[in-house]
Amino acid sequence: MLVVYGHVLRGQFHSGLLAWTPVIALQDRAIYAFHMPLFFLLSGLFAGAKVQSRGEFIRRRLVTIVYPYILWSTIQTLLMIGAGRLANGHYTLADIARIGTDPIGQFWFLYILAMLQLLLLLPRPLFLLTVPAGIVAVLLYGNGPLLLRAAWFLPFFAAGVVLGRSGLEAALRTWKTAIVWLIGGAIVFAILFAVMPMLNPLAAALARYALATAGIVATLGFARLIGSRIALLCGLGTASLAILVLHVICAAAVRASVHHIGVTQPAIAIMLVTAGGLLIPFALYRASIRVGLTPWFGLGFVPRVPLPVSASAEPVYRPLEPAGLSADVGLDKDRGPAFQ
């Protein structure tokens, strides 16, 4: 939801439909301070505690990362070329030819995620040694190029891998702990968010890790309090890959439609476009499940159990798998996957 909302704000601005006021700038800065580190931590959380089969590991990544990356990078770019001046971004066919080294739009996430997941093929001690090496590289050279951007997100991905789903559930077993995470994380986030502009470059670079961590902690605490009580949120979780690859196309179409019918109030337009960027991909994902073509559409694997769960269902917190076994998506038959 934060990914879509952040892109909608920027899309509305680049379309000339939204003034970049201090309030909008504050929202943008807050969202981008932690939402992608959180996404990488979640990816690590469900990447697997241990690679049992290299062949199966690579096969799953081809289906859930590489194929969606190639397919939807191409489709989105072709649509933007066809839209001409109506599109915010301007690409050519040459850009499609370069996606092997230069990701387009939001697809950088899948590109870097593939890079990080390949590290899981290393022996675990060597994988963990890449984390401090990556931090040092970011502190010395920043996080601009793809390799350095991957290094910036690596600690969060590795934290998810080490923690695992069962580890996170053990840490957030009670609602009281969740409240502490939510309030404590939010307070630390607010303090760091306020003081970061006053820090020197090295201190600010270190504080970025703490700021992202605080935002992640607060969000996880909030998620534990919600549990599975809101069925739509569970559904959006299973459709996260579909939302990632489709939301720019869908939000752009809704933005054009909203503008065409004369909705000029920015807050209403933003809500409508954000809803379109979330719900249209979700509907398409569910439709792909019904016709049995989800992997072929580049939307990942079908959940092993029906989701979303009932809105009234009470969450049960217990370890999902014995320590050391694979924590890959869908191995817990009672609860099924929460993220793909």
Foldseek 3Di string as FASTA:
>chain_A
DLVLLLVLLVQCVLQVQDDCDPVNVVSNVLSVLAVLLLVLLVCLQFLWLADPDPVVSVVQLCLQQVVLQLVLQVVVLVVQCVVPPLDSDHDDPVVSVCCVQDGDDLSLSSVLSVVLSVLSVDPVVVSVVLLVVLLVCCLVPNQPGSVNVSSVSNVSSVNSNVCHPLNLLVQPVDLVSLVCQQVVLVVQLVVLVVCLVVDDSNVNSVSSVVNNVSVSSNVSSVCSVQPLLDQVLLLLQAQVSLLSSCLVVQLSVLLVVCVVVPPSDVVVNSVRSSCRSRVVSSVVQVVCVVVVCCSVVSRGDDWLDDGDDHSHDDDDRHRQDPRPGISHFRPRVVPGGSHD
